[in-house]
Amino acid sequence: MAVILIADDEARIRRLVADFLKRDGHTILEAADGRQALELIERERIDLAILDVMMPYVDGFAVLAAIRAREGDRMPVMMLTARAEEADQIEGLDRGADDYVTKPFSPVVLAARVRTLLKRTGVGVREVTKIGDLEIDEIRRRVTVAGAPCELTPKEYELLIYFKNNRSIALSREAILNAVWGYDYFGDLRTVDTHIKKLRAKLGPCGSMIDTVRGYGYRFEG
């Protein structure tokens, strides 16, 4: 698995991203500002960096420049920021960022994008997961049931990945909503029930892997 640096001055963002990436087996280093990020880059062997743009002392673009000067293109860099303007995204990519994710974001999608970036460097990426007759190819975003293609919407796919990464854990509807729809989503919890009903139907016989935890939420028992 990979060593990933998360540099963001918001502790809750660092915790959210770290929690999801740890489920994929990665080792997480955290920095609360650009200065700390640079110190870690100098001291540690880091496989991928996730950088907020607006950080105290040294901003994310300056940290990105330091990474490119030191590491060249070896280390993938993802910019994670509230600055959603097209010009900002173009600036980040032009300066050498490999990906640009704007807040609010889905942690499930972010984790998938991290896996894609790591595949480029060949660092600890699990491409295919087989659970009984269910097969999930996360690089190609393909799902099959007993060898037959299973066409899922983006949200249904994110739900499945979230369940796969949290097997045998009882997950509340609120936790599922925050993880898949994003921490700033203010929709109804019934959204979760509706999407899970559709996901179960599409998974056919494998849909029974998603158990209902009465009065609480769901558990994936694959």
Foldseek 3Di string as FASTA:
>chain_A
DFEEEEEALDPVVLVLLVVLLVLLVYHYDYHNFLVVVQVCVVPDDGQEYEAEQDGPPDGPLRSLLVCCVVPNLRHAYEYEYQPPDPVVQVVSVVSPHPYYHHPPDASLVVSLVVLLVSVVNPPSHDQWDDDPQWIAGSNVRWIDGVNHTQDDDPLLSSLVSVQVSQAPDQAFLVRSCCNRVHVPDDDDSVVSVVSLVVSLVSNPPLSVQWAADPPGGIHGHD
